[in-house]
Amino acid sequence: MWRKKGEIRLGDLPIHLQTPFTEKFAPHLYELFGILPAWEQLSNSKLQQLWRKIFPNEEDLNFRTPVGKVVLKLVRKEFSFFQCTVN
C-alpha cells in the first residue's frame, strides 16, 4: 500500500515490539503526557527511562537507528493526539 514519505505507523516497529508498544508503553506515555506542562514535550531522557522500564531486555533507544526513529515519531504522534483530545 502506498503512503507518504516519512509517514510512520506501528507496523514499522519490529513485530515483537508492536503489541507491547500499544498495550504497555503507550499507557505509560499518556501518564507522562498528563503531568507535563502544556508547552513542554517529553524529553528524550524521560522517554529513554520509560523505554528501559517497559522493555528491560531491549537495547536502549538510540534515536539515530531505524527503531529509535520510529519510536520517536510514534511518541510524537501519540503526544499530538493526546493534546488534541485534552484541549
C-alpha atoms as a PDB file:
ATOM      1  CA  MET A   1       0.000   0.000   0.000  1.00  0.00           C
ATOM      2  CA  TRP A   2       1.225   3.477  -0.855  1.00  0.00           C
ATOM      3  CA  ARG A   3       1.924   6.029   1.858  1.00  0.00           C
ATOM      4  CA  LYS A   4       3.637   9.376   2.145  1.00  0.00           C
ATOM      5  CA  LYS A   5       7.374   9.523   2.642  1.00  0.00           C
ATOM      6  CA  GLY A   6       8.142   9.775   6.332  1.00  0.00           C
ATOM      7  CA  GLU A   7       4.722   8.526   7.421  1.00  0.00           C
ATOM      8  CA  ILE A   8       5.355   6.210  10.333  1.00  0.00           C
ATOM      9  CA  ARG A   9       2.991   3.521  11.573  1.00  0.00           C
ATOM     10  CA  LEU A  10       3.073   0.985  14.354  1.00  0.00           C
ATOM     11  CA  GLY A  11       3.801  -1.663  11.728  1.00  0.00           C
ATOM     12  CA  ASP A  12       7.197  -0.025  11.165  1.00  0.00           C
ATOM     13  CA  LEU A  13       8.348  -1.304  14.559  1.00  0.00           C
ATOM     14  CA  PRO A  14       9.804  -4.799  14.767  1.00  0.00           C
ATOM     15  CA  ILE A  15       6.944  -7.268  15.124  1.00  0.00           C
ATOM     16  CA  HIS A  16       7.881  -8.281  18.668  1.00  0.00           C
ATOM     17  CA  LEU A  17       7.526  -4.647  19.857  1.00  0.00           C
ATOM     18  CA  GLN A  18       4.235  -3.742  18.188  1.00  0.00           C
ATOM     19  CA  THR A  19       1.743  -5.167  20.683  1.00  0.00           C
ATOM     20  CA  PRO A  20       3.797  -4.292  23.791  1.00  0.00           C
ATOM     21  CA  PHE A  21       4.190  -0.744  22.474  1.00  0.00           C
ATOM     22  CA  THR A  22       0.425  -0.353  22.323  1.00  0.00           C
ATOM     23  CA  GLU A  23      -0.514  -2.319  25.425  1.00  0.00           C
ATOM     24  CA  LYS A  24       2.320  -1.460  27.817  1.00  0.00           C
ATOM     25  CA  PHE A  25       4.330   1.512  26.585  1.00  0.00           C
ATOM     26  CA  ALA A  26       1.576   3.834  25.314  1.00  0.00           C
ATOM     27  CA  PRO A  27      -0.453   3.856  28.570  1.00  0.00           C
ATOM     28  CA  HIS A  28       2.654   4.977  30.465  1.00  0.00           C
ATOM     29  CA  LEU A  29       3.263   7.637  27.838  1.00  0.00           C
ATOM     30  CA  TYR A  30      -0.182   9.053  28.493  1.00  0.00           C
ATOM     31  CA  GLU A  31       0.576   9.179  32.218  1.00  0.00           C
ATOM     32  CA  LEU A  32       3.704  11.200  31.469  1.00  0.00           C
ATOM     33  CA  PHE A  33       1.899  13.434  28.990  1.00  0.00           C
ATOM     34  CA  GLY A  34      -0.714  14.187  31.632  1.00  0.00           C
ATOM     35  CA  ILE A  35       1.792  15.647  34.078  1.00  0.00           C
ATOM     36  CA  LEU A  36       3.690  17.768  31.548  1.00  0.00           C
ATOM     37  CA  PRO A  37       3.031  21.488  31.418  1.00  0.00           C
ATOM     38  CA  ALA A  38       1.062  22.298  28.251  1.00  0.00           C
ATOM     39  CA  TRP A  39       4.026  23.899  26.479  1.00  0.00           C
ATOM     40  CA  GLU A  40       6.529  21.127  27.176  1.00  0.00           C
ATOM     41  CA  GLN A  41       7.331  17.968  25.293  1.00  0.00           C
ATOM     42  CA  LEU A  42       8.543  14.704  26.744  1.00  0.00           C
ATOM     43  CA  SER A  43      12.335  14.826  26.974  1.00  0.00           C
ATOM     44  CA  ASN A  44      14.430  12.170  25.295  1.00  0.00           C
ATOM     45  CA  SER A  45      15.885  11.200  28.679  1.00  0.00           C
ATOM     46  CA  LYS A  46      12.400  10.600  30.165  1.00  0.00           C
ATOM     47  CA  LEU A  47      11.468   8.630  27.074  1.00  0.00           C
ATOM     48  CA  GLN A  48      14.640   6.568  27.468  1.00  0.00           C
ATOM     49  CA  GLN A  49      13.843   5.911  31.154  1.00  0.00           C
ATOM     50  CA  LEU A  50      10.362   4.736  30.282  1.00  0.00           C
ATOM     51  CA  TRP A  51      11.711   2.518  27.488  1.00  0.00           C
ATOM     52  CA  ARG A  52      14.133   0.838  29.911  1.00  0.00           C
ATOM     53  CA  LYS A  53      11.328   0.301  32.418  1.00  0.00           C
ATOM     54  CA  ILE A  54       8.890  -1.241  29.937  1.00  0.00           C
ATOM     55  CA  PHE A  55      11.427  -3.039  27.736  1.00  0.00           C
ATOM     56  CA  PRO A  56      14.268  -4.061  30.070  1.00  0.00           C
ATOM     57  CA  ASN A  57      15.501  -6.766  27.686  1.00  0.00           C
ATOM     58  CA  GLU A  58      15.682  -4.459  24.658  1.00  0.00           C
ATOM     59  CA  GLU A  59      18.608  -2.257  23.735  1.00  0.00           C
ATOM     60  CA  ASP A  60      18.447   1.340  24.893  1.00  0.00           C
ATOM     61  CA  LEU A  61      16.806   3.691  22.433  1.00  0.00           C
ATOM     62  CA  ASN A  62      19.206   5.292  20.018  1.00  0.00           C
ATOM     63  CA  PHE A  63      17.288   7.952  18.129  1.00  0.00           C
ATOM     64  CA  ARG A  64      19.647   7.632  15.166  1.00  0.00           C
ATOM     65  CA  THR A  65      18.756   3.998  14.497  1.00  0.00           C
ATOM     66  CA  PRO A  66      15.693   2.956  12.499  1.00  0.00           C
ATOM     67  CA  VAL A  67      13.896   1.608  15.595  1.00  0.00           C
ATOM     68  CA  GLY A  68      14.739   4.718  17.619  1.00  0.00           C
ATOM     69  CA  LYS A  69      13.469   6.995  14.853  1.00  0.00           C
ATOM     70  CA  VAL A  70      10.228   5.040  14.561  1.00  0.00           C
ATOM     71  CA  VAL A  71       9.670   5.102  18.337  1.00  0.00           C
ATOM     72  CA  LEU A  72      10.337   8.835  18.484  1.00  0.00           C
ATOM     73  CA  LYS A  73       7.904   9.550  15.660  1.00  0.00           C
ATOM     74  CA  LEU A  74       5.248   7.291  17.175  1.00  0.00           C
ATOM     75  CA  VAL A  75       5.650   9.042  20.536  1.00  0.00           C
ATOM     76  CA  ARG A  76       5.302  12.436  18.850  1.00  0.00           C
ATOM     77  CA  LYS A  77       2.184  11.199  17.065  1.00  0.00           C
ATOM     78  CA  GLU A  78       0.717   9.941  20.362  1.00  0.00           C
ATOM     79  CA  PHE A  79       1.565  13.260  22.031  1.00  0.00           C
ATOM     80  CA  SER A  80      -0.140  15.205  19.278  1.00  0.00           C
ATOM     81  CA  PHE A  81      -3.222  13.008  19.601  1.00  0.00           C
ATOM     82  CA  PHE A  82      -3.163  13.475  23.381  1.00  0.00           C
ATOM     83  CA  GLN A  83      -3.012  17.243  23.045  1.00  0.00           C
ATOM     84  CA  CYS A  84      -5.935  17.283  20.626  1.00  0.00           C
ATOM     85  CA  THR A  85      -8.116  15.157  22.877  1.00  0.00           C
ATOM     86  CA  VAL A  86      -7.311  17.077  26.055  1.00  0.00           C
ATOM     87  CA  ASN A  87      -7.762  20.564  24.613  1.00  0.00           C
END
